[in-house]
Amino acid sequence: MNRRTMNVIETAEYLGVCKDTIYTMVRSDEIPHFRLRRRIFFSEKAISKWIEEQESSYKHQAI
């Protein structure tokens, strides 16, 4: 069975940032996530889509 979710540490590694950055982004609702009780999870599909949206937004600002 393939896992389709990541925890905070895995997401931080995936994005190349520290876990504190991920927690800050979660608190300010800047990154797609969901909670299961007290744990925070990220859908790999949602994070990939979010990255594409961030790249697209950046490209439009640069023009």
PDB file of N, CA and C in Angstrom:
ATOM      1  N   MET A   1       0.839  -1.180   0.000  1.00  0.00           N
ATOM      2  CA  MET A   1       0.000   0.000   0.000  1.00  0.00           C
ATOM      3  C   MET A   1       0.889   1.250   0.000  1.00  0.00           C
ATOM      4  N   ASN A   2       0.624   2.155  -0.905  1.00  0.00           N
ATOM      5  CA  ASN A   2       1.388   3.403  -0.996  1.00  0.00           C
ATOM      6  C   ASN A   2       0.784   4.453  -0.085  1.00  0.00           C
ATOM      7  N   ARG A   3       1.641   5.074   0.692  1.00  0.00           N
ATOM      8  CA  ARG A   3       1.191   6.159   1.552  1.00  0.00           C
ATOM      9  C   ARG A   3       1.055   7.425   0.736  1.00  0.00           C
ATOM     10  N   ARG A   4      -0.015   8.150   0.934  1.00  0.00           N
ATOM     11  CA  ARG A   4      -0.255   9.372   0.166  1.00  0.00           C
ATOM     12  C   ARG A   4      -0.239  10.616   1.037  1.00  0.00           C
ATOM     13  N   THR A   5       0.167  10.442   2.290  1.00  0.00           N
ATOM     14  CA  THR A   5       0.248  11.583   3.190  1.00  0.00           C
ATOM     15  C   THR A   5       1.652  11.700   3.752  1.00  0.00           C
ATOM     16  N   MET A   6       1.966  12.908   4.200  1.00  0.00           N
ATOM     17  CA  MET A   6       3.260  13.170   4.824  1.00  0.00           C
ATOM     18  C   MET A   6       3.016  13.874   6.152  1.00  0.00           C
ATOM     19  N   ASN A   7       3.911  13.666   7.090  1.00  0.00           N
ATOM     20  CA  ASN A   7       3.828  14.397   8.350  1.00  0.00           C
ATOM     21  C   ASN A   7       4.641  15.692   8.223  1.00  0.00           C
ATOM     22  N   VAL A   8       4.759  16.431   9.297  1.00  0.00           N
ATOM     23  CA  VAL A   8       5.454  17.723   9.271  1.00  0.00           C
ATOM     24  C   VAL A   8       6.920  17.563   8.859  1.00  0.00           C
ATOM     25  N   ILE A   9       7.600  16.617   9.442  1.00  0.00           N
ATOM     26  CA  ILE A   9       9.022  16.423   9.141  1.00  0.00           C
ATOM     27  C   ILE A   9       9.220  16.014   7.683  1.00  0.00           C
ATOM     28  N   GLU A  10       8.407  15.090   7.201  1.00  0.00           N
ATOM     29  CA  GLU A  10       8.517  14.649   5.805  1.00  0.00           C
ATOM     30  C   GLU A  10       8.216  15.796   4.832  1.00  0.00           C
ATOM     31  N   THR A  11       7.226  16.615   5.175  1.00  0.00           N
ATOM     32  CA  THR A  11       6.880  17.755   4.323  1.00  0.00           C
ATOM     33  C   THR A  11       8.000  18.780   4.322  1.00  0.00           C
ATOM     34  N   ALA A  12       8.593  19.015   5.479  1.00  0.00           N
ATOM     35  CA  ALA A  12       9.725  19.948   5.566  1.00  0.00           C
ATOM     36  C   ALA A  12      10.886  19.463   4.695  1.00  0.00           C
ATOM     37  N   GLU A  13      11.179  18.186   4.762  1.00  0.00           N
ATOM     38  CA  GLU A  13      12.251  17.622   3.938  1.00  0.00           C
ATOM     39  C   GLU A  13      11.902  17.721   2.459  1.00  0.00           C
ATOM     40  N   TYR A  14      10.659  17.438   2.114  1.00  0.00           N
ATOM     41  CA  TYR A  14      10.182  17.495   0.731  1.00  0.00           C
ATOM     42  C   TYR A  14      10.331  18.900   0.158  1.00  0.00           C
ATOM     43  N   LEU A  15      10.039  19.913   0.979  1.00  0.00           N
ATOM     44  CA  LEU A  15      10.117  21.302   0.527  1.00  0.00           C
ATOM     45  C   LEU A  15      11.493  21.931   0.750  1.00  0.00           C
ATOM     46  N   GLY A  16      12.344  21.267   1.520  1.00  0.00           N
ATOM     47  CA  GLY A  16      13.676  21.790   1.781  1.00  0.00           C
ATOM     48  C   GLY A  16      13.688  22.938   2.770  1.00  0.00           C
ATOM     49  N   VAL A  17      12.790  22.894   3.745  1.00  0.00           N
ATOM     50  CA  VAL A  17      12.734  23.919   4.792  1.00  0.00           C
ATOM     51  C   VAL A  17      12.768  23.224   6.154  1.00  0.00           C
ATOM     52  N   CYS A  18      12.889  24.005   7.217  1.00  0.00           N
ATOM     53  CA  CYS A  18      12.889  23.403   8.546  1.00  0.00           C
ATOM     54  C   CYS A  18      11.438  23.179   9.014  1.00  0.00           C
ATOM     55  N   LYS A  19      11.281  22.304   9.968  1.00  0.00           N
ATOM     56  CA  LYS A  19       9.926  21.968  10.423  1.00  0.00           C
ATOM     57  C   LYS A  19       9.227  23.155  11.080  1.00  0.00           C
ATOM     58  N   ASP A  20       9.998  24.067  11.678  1.00  0.00           N
ATOM     59  CA  ASP A  20       9.398  25.267  12.270  1.00  0.00           C
ATOM     60  C   ASP A  20       8.705  26.120  11.210  1.00  0.00           C
ATOM     61  N   THR A  21       9.278  26.155  10.013  1.00  0.00           N
ATOM     62  CA  THR A  21       8.656  26.879   8.906  1.00  0.00           C
ATOM     63  C   THR A  21       7.311  26.259   8.556  1.00  0.00           C
ATOM     64  N   ILE A  22       7.261  24.952   8.552  1.00  0.00           N
ATOM     65  CA  ILE A  22       6.000  24.253   8.246  1.00  0.00           C
ATOM     66  C   ILE A  22       4.960  24.570   9.314  1.00  0.00           C
ATOM     67  N   TYR A  23       5.342  24.513  10.579  1.00  0.00           N
ATOM     68  CA  TYR A  23       4.394  24.835  11.654  1.00  0.00           C
ATOM     69  C   TYR A  23       3.874  26.274  11.521  1.00  0.00           C
ATOM     70  N   THR A  24       4.759  27.199  11.175  1.00  0.00           N
ATOM     71  CA  THR A  24       4.345  28.596  10.982  1.00  0.00           C
ATOM     72  C   THR A  24       3.359  28.704   9.828  1.00  0.00           C
ATOM     73  N   MET A  25       3.636  28.016   8.746  1.00  0.00           N
ATOM     74  CA  MET A  25       2.748  28.048   7.585  1.00  0.00           C
ATOM     75  C   MET A  25       1.392  27.418   7.896  1.00  0.00           C
ATOM     76  N   VAL A  26       1.379  26.380   8.709  1.00  0.00           N
ATOM     77  CA  VAL A  26       0.118  25.746   9.121  1.00  0.00           C
ATOM     78  C   VAL A  26      -0.691  26.721   9.967  1.00  0.00           C
ATOM     79  N   ARG A  27      -0.035  27.367  10.936  1.00  0.00           N
ATOM     80  CA  ARG A  27      -0.740  28.315  11.812  1.00  0.00           C
ATOM     81  C   ARG A  27      -1.383  29.457  11.026  1.00  0.00           C
ATOM     82  N   SER A  28      -0.698  29.916   9.985  1.00  0.00           N
ATOM     83  CA  SER A  28      -1.241  31.023   9.196  1.00  0.00           C
ATOM     84  C   SER A  28      -2.023  30.529   7.975  1.00  0.00           C
ATOM     85  N   ASP A  29      -2.267  29.231   7.911  1.00  0.00           N
ATOM     86  CA  ASP A  29      -3.063  28.604   6.850  1.00  0.00           C
ATOM     87  C   ASP A  29      -2.504  28.906   5.456  1.00  0.00           C
ATOM     88  N   GLU A  30      -1.183  28.895   5.336  1.00  0.00           N
ATOM     89  CA  GLU A  30      -0.513  29.166   4.066  1.00  0.00           C
ATOM     90  C   GLU A  30      -0.280  27.914   3.233  1.00  0.00           C
ATOM     91  N   ILE A  31      -0.418  26.746   3.835  1.00  0.00           N
ATOM     92  CA  ILE A  31      -0.109  25.495   3.159  1.00  0.00           C
ATOM     93  C   ILE A  31      -1.267  24.523   3.388  1.00  0.00           C
ATOM     94  N   PRO A  32      -1.654  23.764   2.362  1.00  0.00           N
ATOM     95  CA  PRO A  32      -2.767  22.830   2.551  1.00  0.00           C
ATOM     96  C   PRO A  32      -2.396  21.697   3.516  1.00  0.00           C
ATOM     97  N   HIS A  33      -3.251  21.480   4.482  1.00  0.00           N
ATOM     98  CA  HIS A  33      -3.006  20.447   5.492  1.00  0.00           C
ATOM     99  C   HIS A  33      -4.338  19.996   6.086  1.00  0.00           C
ATOM    100  N   PHE A  34      -4.283  18.926   6.852  1.00  0.00           N
ATOM    101  CA  PHE A  34      -5.448  18.502   7.619  1.00  0.00           C
ATOM    102  C   PHE A  34      -4.961  17.890   8.923  1.00  0.00           C
ATOM    103  N   ARG A  35      -5.850  17.863   9.867  1.00  0.00           N
ATOM    104  CA  ARG A  35      -5.511  17.329  11.187  1.00  0.00           C
ATOM    105  C   ARG A  35      -6.282  16.047  11.465  1.00  0.00           C
ATOM    106  N   LEU A  36      -5.611  15.151  12.124  1.00  0.00           N
ATOM    107  CA  LEU A  36      -6.232  13.940  12.633  1.00  0.00           C
ATOM    108  C   LEU A  36      -5.909  13.930  14.119  1.00  0.00           C
ATOM    109  N   ARG A  37      -6.922  14.320  14.879  1.00  0.00           N
ATOM    110  CA  ARG A  37      -6.741  14.622  16.298  1.00  0.00           C
ATOM    111  C   ARG A  37      -5.722  15.732  16.440  1.00  0.00           C
ATOM    112  N   ARG A  38      -4.595  15.490  17.071  1.00  0.00           N
ATOM    113  CA  ARG A  38      -3.610  16.563  17.264  1.00  0.00           C
ATOM    114  C   ARG A  38      -2.502  16.553  16.212  1.00  0.00           C
ATOM    115  N   ARG A  39      -2.488  15.520  15.372  1.00  0.00           N
ATOM    116  CA  ARG A  39      -1.413  15.409  14.379  1.00  0.00           C
ATOM    117  C   ARG A  39      -1.758  16.156  13.102  1.00  0.00           C
ATOM    118  N   ILE A  40      -0.747  16.692  12.462  1.00  0.00           N
ATOM    119  CA  ILE A  40      -0.912  17.451  11.225  1.00  0.00           C
ATOM    120  C   ILE A  40      -0.386  16.599  10.074  1.00  0.00           C
ATOM    121  N   PHE A  41      -1.187  16.516   9.015  1.00  0.00           N
ATOM    122  CA  PHE A  41      -0.806  15.748   7.834  1.00  0.00           C
ATOM    123  C   PHE A  41      -0.957  16.589   6.582  1.00  0.00           C
ATOM    124  N   PHE A  42      -0.240  16.178   5.546  1.00  0.00           N
ATOM    125  CA  PHE A  42      -0.250  16.856   4.264  1.00  0.00           C
ATOM    126  C   PHE A  42      -0.450  15.815   3.175  1.00  0.00           C
ATOM    127  N   SER A  43      -1.370  16.069   2.291  1.00  0.00           N
ATOM    128  CA  SER A  43      -1.584  15.202   1.141  1.00  0.00           C
ATOM    129  C   SER A  43      -0.485  15.478   0.128  1.00  0.00           C
ATOM    130  N   GLU A  44       0.170  14.441  -0.321  1.00  0.00           N
ATOM    131  CA  GLU A  44       1.234  14.615  -1.308  1.00  0.00           C
ATOM    132  C   GLU A  44       0.684  15.273  -2.576  1.00  0.00           C
ATOM    133  N   LYS A  45      -0.507  14.875  -2.969  1.00  0.00           N
ATOM    134  CA  LYS A  45      -1.142  15.448  -4.167  1.00  0.00           C
ATOM    135  C   LYS A  45      -1.442  16.935  -3.966  1.00  0.00           C
ATOM    136  N   ALA A  46      -1.980  17.291  -2.801  1.00  0.00           N
ATOM    137  CA  ALA A  46      -2.308  18.691  -2.513  1.00  0.00           C
ATOM    138  C   ALA A  46      -1.047  19.550  -2.440  1.00  0.00           C
ATOM    139  N   ILE A  47       0.023  19.019  -1.871  1.00  0.00           N
ATOM    140  CA  ILE A  47       1.281  19.770  -1.779  1.00  0.00           C
ATOM    141  C   ILE A  47       1.868  19.981  -3.174  1.00  0.00           C
ATOM    142  N   SER A  48       1.821  18.964  -4.015  1.00  0.00           N
ATOM    143  CA  SER A  48       2.330  19.101  -5.384  1.00  0.00           C
ATOM    144  C   SER A  48       1.543  20.157  -6.152  1.00  0.00           C
ATOM    145  N   LYS A  49       0.236  20.146  -5.997  1.00  0.00           N
ATOM    146  CA  LYS A  49      -0.612  21.145  -6.657  1.00  0.00           C
ATOM    147  C   LYS A  49      -0.306  22.540  -6.112  1.00  0.00           C
ATOM    148  N   TRP A  50      -0.141  22.640  -4.804  1.00  0.00           N
ATOM    149  CA  TRP A  50       0.177  23.919  -4.168  1.00  0.00           C
ATOM    150  C   TRP A  50       1.509  24.465  -4.695  1.00  0.00           C
ATOM    151  N   ILE A  51       2.502  23.601  -4.864  1.00  0.00           N
ATOM    152  CA  ILE A  51       3.801  24.025  -5.402  1.00  0.00           C
ATOM    153  C   ILE A  51       3.620  24.587  -6.809  1.00  0.00           C
ATOM    154  N   GLU A  52       2.851  23.892  -7.628  1.00  0.00           N
ATOM    155  CA  GLU A  52       2.598  24.371  -8.994  1.00  0.00           C
ATOM    156  C   GLU A  52       1.920  25.740  -8.979  1.00  0.00           C
ATOM    157  N   GLU A  53       0.971  25.927  -8.071  1.00  0.00           N
ATOM    158  CA  GLU A  53       0.283  27.208  -7.958  1.00  0.00           C
ATOM    159  C   GLU A  53       1.248  28.306  -7.517  1.00  0.00           C
ATOM    160  N   GLN A  54       2.151  27.975  -6.608  1.00  0.00           N
ATOM    161  CA  GLN A  54       3.139  28.939  -6.141  1.00  0.00           C
ATOM    162  C   GLN A  54       4.070  29.335  -7.282  1.00  0.00           C
ATOM    163  N   GLU A  55       4.497  28.346  -8.067  1.00  0.00           N
ATOM    164  CA  GLU A  55       5.376  28.623  -9.203  1.00  0.00           C
ATOM    165  C   GLU A  55       4.663  29.489 -10.232  1.00  0.00           C
ATOM    166  N   SER A  56       3.415  29.177 -10.510  1.00  0.00           N
ATOM    167  CA  SER A  56       2.630  29.930 -11.487  1.00  0.00           C
ATOM    168  C   SER A  56       2.431  31.368 -11.019  1.00  0.00           C
ATOM    169  N   SER A  57       2.133  31.537  -9.752  1.00  0.00           N
ATOM    170  CA  SER A  57       1.936  32.863  -9.184  1.00  0.00           C
ATOM    171  C   SER A  57       3.222  33.675  -9.261  1.00  0.00           C
ATOM    172  N   TYR A  58       4.339  33.039  -8.995  1.00  0.00           N
ATOM    173  CA  TYR A  58       5.628  33.720  -9.043  1.00  0.00           C
ATOM    174  C   TYR A  58       5.948  34.164 -10.466  1.00  0.00           C
ATOM    175  N   LYS A  59       5.667  33.286 -11.436  1.00  0.00           N
ATOM    176  CA  LYS A  59       5.956  33.609 -12.831  1.00  0.00           C
ATOM    177  C   LYS A  59       5.126  34.813 -13.283  1.00  0.00           C
ATOM    178  N   HIS A  60       3.865  34.898 -12.850  1.00  0.00           N
ATOM    179  CA  HIS A  60       3.007  36.019 -13.224  1.00  0.00           C
ATOM    180  C   HIS A  60       3.500  37.318 -12.586  1.00  0.00           C
ATOM    181  N   GLN A  61       4.046  37.242 -11.385  1.00  0.00           N
ATOM    182  CA  GLN A  61       4.546  38.442 -10.718  1.00  0.00           C
ATOM    183  C   GLN A  61       5.818  38.938 -11.385  1.00  0.00           C
ATOM    184  N   ALA A  62       6.601  38.023 -11.945  1.00  0.00           N
ATOM    185  CA  ALA A  62       7.878  38.384 -12.551  1.00  0.00           C
ATOM    186  C   ALA A  62       7.711  39.075 -13.900  1.00  0.00           C
ATOM    187  N   ILE A  63       6.568  38.885 -14.507  1.00  0.00           N
ATOM    188  CA  ILE A  63       6.331  39.469 -15.846  1.00  0.00           C
ATOM    189  C   ILE A  63       6.028  40.941 -15.775  1.00  0.00           C
TER     190      ILE A  63
END
